[in-house]
Amino acid sequence: MTKQVETGTQELLCSITDYVATLTLNRPEKRNAMGAEMMPALAQMLVDLDEDDNVRVLVLTGAGEGFCSGGDIANMGKKIGPAAKLTLEEKIAGLQEAQEASSLALYEFSKPTIAALPGPAAGAGMSLALACDMRIAAESAFLAPAFGAIGASGDFGGSWYLSNLIGPGRAKEIYYTNRHIMAQEAERLGVFNRVVPTVDLRDAAQEMAANIAKGAPIALKYMKENHNLAVVSDLRTTMLQEGDRMVRALHTDDFANAAMAFMMKKKPKFEGK
């Protein structure tokens, strides 16, 4: 059974099916460019869904044939361009706040996240896709920094995400030259976890998410914390946290029930307790 969730705007759609929440960027006529209504709604939904016990996995996707084309150039000009009636410091602070409320919040979302790309993810839209834990893409999808084409340098964490995924040398080359990472190359580089035929994308993303949602919610949360720490820390610090989270996981009802189910050769049912 699917539940539709009100987001406050038609620029962002939300539904929940079998513990999987799907957020759809819904401006297909503009390749789902980040709109003035979309981004505040996205920020709030990330908060709400993170706190919702009926959500165990989040899928972020785009309506139509694209994932997200990045910032709406016209809207960007009004907010942070030379014509905007704000001081330089106010413009910088506004962009930094928007980045934290969306891209950083997505990266730090306590539950597994999947970006499902029906088509291009460009500019800050690429950053949003890279902020997710995993990416599944249609054969027609590709990633494009796009910043250089308009004389911009990049935002929403894309340089950090891409450098961590493929290494700083490759990431710099892609930003400097503004070349596209096509689906097959992205899969080869490990940026895309899977590439599927376009017609299969929605079902494949839901299947991937549903399989993950069958896991123990607390254990999944701890796994994500461990892997996110591993990217920015050393082995000793990561192992200290792993030890802490492992023992905590062994004290959950989910672990006790799973151990019993294993002994009885049954499949465990996890409740997140």
Protein backbone atom coordinates (compact mmCIF):
# COMPACT_ATOMS: atom_id res chain seq x y z
CA MET A 1 0.00 0.00 0.00
CA THR A 2 1.32 3.42 -1.00
CA LYS A 3 0.81 6.53 1.10
CA GLN A 4 1.04 9.96 -0.51
CA VAL A 5 2.67 12.59 1.70
CA GLU A 6 1.98 16.31 1.35
CA THR A 7 5.15 18.36 0.84
CA GLY A 8 3.57 21.79 0.49
CA THR A 9 4.40 22.14 -3.20
CA GLN A 10 3.92 20.32 -6.50
CA GLU A 11 7.64 20.84 -7.17
CA LEU A 12 8.38 17.97 -4.79
CA LEU A 13 6.34 14.77 -4.50
CA CYS A 14 6.57 12.20 -1.72
CA SER A 15 5.21 8.70 -1.28
CA ILE A 16 5.89 5.83 1.14
CA THR A 17 5.59 2.17 0.15
CA ASP A 18 6.71 -0.73 2.36
CA TYR A 19 9.08 1.39 4.48
CA VAL A 20 10.55 3.05 1.37
CA ALA A 21 10.03 6.80 0.96
CA THR A 22 10.38 8.22 -2.53
CA LEU A 23 11.03 11.92 -3.05
CA THR A 24 10.51 13.08 -6.62
CA LEU A 25 11.91 16.38 -7.86
CA ASN A 26 8.98 17.51 -10.00
CA ARG A 27 9.83 20.22 -12.49
CA PRO A 28 10.18 18.08 -15.62
CA GLU A 29 9.73 21.07 -17.93
CA LYS A 30 13.00 22.43 -16.50
CA ARG A 31 14.74 19.08 -16.05
CA ASN A 32 13.87 19.33 -12.34
CA ALA A 33 15.99 22.41 -11.72
CA MET A 34 16.16 23.49 -8.10
CA GLY A 35 13.21 25.84 -7.60
CA ALA A 36 12.33 28.40 -4.94
CA GLU A 37 9.57 26.10 -3.65
CA MET A 38 11.35 22.80 -4.20
CA MET A 39 14.43 23.33 -2.06
CA PRO A 40 12.78 24.47 1.21
CA ALA A 41 10.31 21.61 0.81
CA LEU A 42 13.15 19.14 0.25
CA ALA A 43 14.93 20.40 3.36
CA GLN A 44 11.81 19.95 5.49
CA MET A 45 10.98 16.52 4.08
CA LEU A 46 14.48 15.29 4.87
CA VAL A 47 13.90 16.27 8.48
CA ASP A 48 10.43 14.72 8.61
CA LEU A 49 11.34 11.44 6.91
CA ASP A 50 14.44 11.00 9.06
CA GLU A 51 12.19 11.08 12.12
CA ASP A 52 9.50 8.81 10.64
CA ASP A 53 9.68 5.22 11.92
CA ASN A 54 7.67 4.09 8.89
CA VAL A 55 10.61 5.06 6.67
CA ARG A 56 13.70 2.86 6.54
CA VAL A 57 15.13 3.77 3.13
CA LEU A 58 14.92 6.94 1.06
CA VAL A 59 14.90 7.10 -2.74
CA LEU A 60 15.52 10.46 -4.43
CA THR A 61 14.58 10.71 -8.10
CA GLY A 62 13.41 13.13 -10.75
CA ALA A 63 10.23 13.35 -12.79
CA GLY A 64 10.37 12.87 -16.55
CA GLU A 65 13.64 12.26 -18.36
CA GLY A 66 16.08 13.94 -16.00
CA PHE A 67 17.24 13.72 -12.40
CA CYS A 68 18.08 17.36 -11.70
CA SER A 69 19.70 20.02 -13.87
CA GLY A 70 21.02 21.94 -10.86
CA GLY A 71 20.21 25.49 -9.88
CA ASP A 72 17.57 27.43 -11.78
CA ILE A 73 19.75 30.11 -13.38
CA ALA A 74 17.02 32.76 -13.25
CA ASN A 75 16.29 32.03 -9.59
CA MET A 76 20.00 31.95 -8.74
CA GLY A 77 20.46 35.40 -10.23
CA LYS A 78 17.71 36.83 -8.07
CA LYS A 79 19.16 35.33 -4.90
CA ILE A 80 22.94 35.40 -5.20
CA GLY A 81 23.73 37.13 -8.49
CA PRO A 82 25.09 40.69 -8.89
CA ALA A 83 21.55 42.08 -9.18
CA ALA A 84 20.39 40.62 -5.86
CA LYS A 85 19.87 43.34 -3.26
CA LEU A 86 21.97 41.70 -0.57
CA THR A 87 25.52 42.15 0.65
CA LEU A 88 28.14 39.69 -0.57
CA GLU A 89 28.30 38.18 2.91
CA GLU A 90 24.50 37.71 2.99
CA LYS A 91 24.57 35.96 -0.39
CA ILE A 92 27.35 33.63 0.77
CA ALA A 93 25.53 32.83 4.01
CA GLY A 94 22.30 32.14 2.11
CA LEU A 95 23.95 29.65 -0.24
CA GLN A 96 25.81 27.95 2.60
CA GLU A 97 22.55 27.54 4.50
CA ALA A 98 20.81 26.09 1.43
CA GLN A 99 23.66 23.61 0.92
CA GLU A 100 23.50 22.37 4.50
CA ALA A 101 19.71 22.04 4.48
CA SER A 102 19.70 19.84 1.38
CA SER A 103 22.96 18.24 0.27
CA LEU A 104 24.55 17.90 3.71
CA ALA A 105 21.25 16.81 5.26
CA LEU A 106 20.96 14.16 2.56
CA TYR A 107 24.50 12.91 3.19
CA GLU A 108 23.89 12.83 6.95
CA PHE A 109 20.40 11.30 6.66
CA SER A 110 20.46 8.53 9.24
CA LYS A 111 18.93 5.91 6.94
CA PRO A 112 20.17 4.43 3.65
CA THR A 113 19.59 6.66 0.62
CA ILE A 114 19.45 5.84 -3.08
CA ALA A 115 19.51 8.27 -6.00
CA ALA A 116 17.55 6.93 -8.98
CA LEU A 117 18.64 8.76 -12.12
CA PRO A 118 16.26 8.58 -15.11
CA GLY A 119 18.54 10.98 -16.98
CA PRO A 120 21.15 13.71 -16.49
CA ALA A 121 22.25 15.04 -13.11
CA ALA A 122 24.05 18.32 -13.68
CA GLY A 123 25.65 21.00 -11.54
CA ALA A 124 24.22 21.03 -8.03
CA GLY A 125 21.88 18.26 -9.20
CA MET A 126 24.94 16.06 -9.63
CA SER A 127 25.93 16.97 -6.08
CA LEU A 128 22.55 15.82 -4.75
CA ALA A 129 22.92 12.49 -6.55
CA LEU A 130 26.42 12.04 -5.13
CA ALA A 131 25.20 12.91 -1.62
CA CYS A 132 23.18 9.70 -1.59
CA ASP A 133 24.68 6.42 -0.38
CA MET A 134 24.04 4.62 -3.67
CA ARG A 135 23.07 5.46 -7.22
CA ILE A 136 21.07 3.42 -9.71
CA ALA A 137 20.80 4.92 -13.16
CA ALA A 138 19.07 4.51 -16.49
CA GLU A 139 21.28 3.85 -19.50
CA SER A 140 20.59 7.41 -20.68
CA ALA A 141 21.75 9.00 -17.43
CA PHE A 142 25.00 10.89 -17.03
CA LEU A 143 26.72 13.24 -14.61
CA ALA A 144 27.92 16.70 -15.60
CA PRO A 145 29.54 19.34 -13.38
CA ALA A 146 28.20 22.06 -15.74
CA PHE A 147 29.63 24.82 -13.53
CA GLY A 148 32.44 25.76 -15.88
CA ALA A 149 30.01 26.28 -18.75
CA ILE A 150 28.53 29.27 -16.92
CA GLY A 151 31.71 30.55 -15.30
CA ALA A 152 30.89 29.11 -11.87
CA SER A 153 33.09 27.03 -9.56
CA GLY A 154 30.70 24.51 -8.00
CA ASP A 155 28.65 24.05 -4.85
CA PHE A 156 26.51 21.65 -2.81
CA GLY A 157 29.52 19.46 -1.98
CA GLY A 158 30.09 18.00 -5.44
CA SER A 159 33.88 18.43 -5.34
CA TRP A 160 34.08 16.54 -2.01
CA TYR A 161 31.69 13.77 -3.02
CA LEU A 162 33.29 13.14 -6.40
CA SER A 163 36.86 13.29 -5.05
CA ASN A 164 36.00 10.67 -2.44
CA LEU A 165 34.34 8.42 -5.00
CA ILE A 166 36.89 8.49 -7.84
CA GLY A 167 39.94 10.28 -6.44
CA PRO A 168 40.95 13.96 -6.60
CA GLY A 169 42.86 13.70 -9.89
CA ARG A 170 39.92 12.36 -11.87
CA ALA A 171 37.48 14.66 -10.06
CA LYS A 172 39.53 17.76 -10.92
CA GLU A 173 39.82 16.71 -14.55
CA ILE A 174 36.04 16.34 -14.82
CA TYR A 175 35.40 19.71 -13.17
CA TYR A 176 38.09 21.54 -15.15
CA THR A 177 37.07 20.14 -18.53
CA ASN A 178 33.34 20.01 -17.81
CA ARG A 179 33.12 16.61 -19.50
CA HIS A 180 30.23 14.27 -18.88
CA ILE A 181 30.51 10.96 -17.03
CA MET A 182 28.29 8.67 -19.08
CA ALA A 183 26.40 5.83 -17.44
CA GLN A 184 28.74 2.99 -18.36
CA GLU A 185 31.84 4.90 -17.27
CA ALA A 186 30.13 5.94 -14.03
CA GLU A 187 29.35 2.29 -13.31
CA ARG A 188 32.93 1.27 -14.11
CA LEU A 189 34.28 3.97 -11.78
CA GLY A 190 31.94 2.87 -8.99
CA VAL A 191 29.93 6.10 -9.03
CA PHE A 192 26.81 4.26 -10.21
CA ASN A 193 26.07 1.03 -8.37
CA ARG A 194 23.88 -0.24 -11.18
CA VAL A 195 22.86 0.80 -14.69
CA VAL A 196 19.56 -0.55 -16.00
CA PRO A 197 17.34 -0.02 -19.05
CA THR A 198 15.39 3.21 -18.75
CA VAL A 199 12.03 1.43 -18.64
CA ASP A 200 13.21 -0.67 -15.68
CA LEU A 201 14.61 2.13 -13.52
CA ARG A 202 11.64 2.80 -11.21
CA ASP A 203 11.07 -0.88 -10.47
CA ALA A 204 14.78 -1.60 -10.05
CA ALA A 205 15.20 1.31 -7.60
CA GLN A 206 12.16 0.20 -5.60
CA GLU A 207 13.42 -3.38 -5.52
CA MET A 208 16.87 -2.28 -4.32
CA ALA A 209 15.34 -0.08 -1.64
CA ALA A 210 12.83 -2.71 -0.52
CA ASN A 211 15.59 -5.31 -0.11
CA ILE A 212 17.55 -2.93 2.11
CA ALA A 213 14.40 -1.98 4.06
CA LYS A 214 14.05 -5.62 5.13
CA GLY A 215 17.17 -5.19 7.27
CA ALA A 216 17.38 -4.15 10.90
CA PRO A 217 16.88 -0.35 11.05
CA ILE A 218 19.22 0.23 13.99
CA ALA A 219 21.97 -1.90 12.43
CA LEU A 220 21.57 -0.07 9.11
CA LYS A 221 21.87 3.26 10.91
CA TYR A 222 25.06 2.10 12.63
CA MET A 223 26.50 0.79 9.35
CA LYS A 224 25.97 4.17 7.73
CA GLU A 225 27.59 5.97 10.66
CA ASN A 226 30.61 3.67 10.41
CA HIS A 227 31.05 4.08 6.67
CA ASN A 228 30.61 7.86 6.78
CA LEU A 229 33.22 8.08 9.53
CA ALA A 230 35.61 5.83 7.61
CA VAL A 231 35.74 8.36 4.76
CA VAL A 232 37.07 11.15 6.97
CA SER A 233 38.89 9.35 9.78
CA ASP A 234 41.70 6.86 10.44
CA LEU A 235 41.46 3.11 10.99
CA ARG A 236 41.82 3.25 14.78
CA THR A 237 39.05 5.82 15.22
CA THR A 238 36.79 3.90 12.85
CA MET A 239 37.40 0.64 14.72
CA LEU A 240 36.62 2.32 18.04
CA GLN A 241 33.25 3.41 16.69
CA GLU A 242 32.62 0.02 15.09
CA GLY A 243 33.20 -1.65 18.46
CA ASP A 244 30.79 0.74 20.15
CA ARG A 245 28.05 0.32 17.53
CA MET A 246 28.51 -3.47 17.35
CA VAL A 247 27.94 -3.95 21.06
CA ARG A 248 24.96 -1.60 21.00
CA ALA A 249 23.48 -3.55 18.08
CA LEU A 250 23.90 -6.82 20.01
CA HIS A 251 21.74 -5.34 22.77
CA THR A 252 18.74 -4.66 20.54
CA ASP A 253 15.56 -6.72 20.38
CA ASP A 254 16.14 -7.06 16.65
CA PHE A 255 19.41 -8.93 17.24
CA ALA A 256 17.87 -11.20 19.87
CA ASN A 257 14.93 -12.03 17.61
CA ALA A 258 17.21 -12.58 14.60
CA ALA A 259 19.44 -14.93 16.59
CA MET A 260 16.40 -16.93 17.63
CA ALA A 261 15.08 -16.99 14.07
CA PHE A 262 18.46 -18.22 12.83
CA MET A 263 18.40 -21.09 15.30
CA MET A 264 14.89 -21.98 14.18
CA LYS A 265 15.82 -21.61 10.50
CA LYS A 266 13.30 -18.83 9.99
CA LYS A 267 13.58 -15.38 8.45
CA PRO A 268 13.78 -12.61 11.07
CA LYS A 269 11.33 -9.74 11.15
CA PHE A 270 12.95 -6.52 12.28
CA GLU A 271 11.01 -3.92 14.27
CA GLY A 272 13.69 -1.30 14.81
CA LYS A 273 13.94 -1.91 18.55
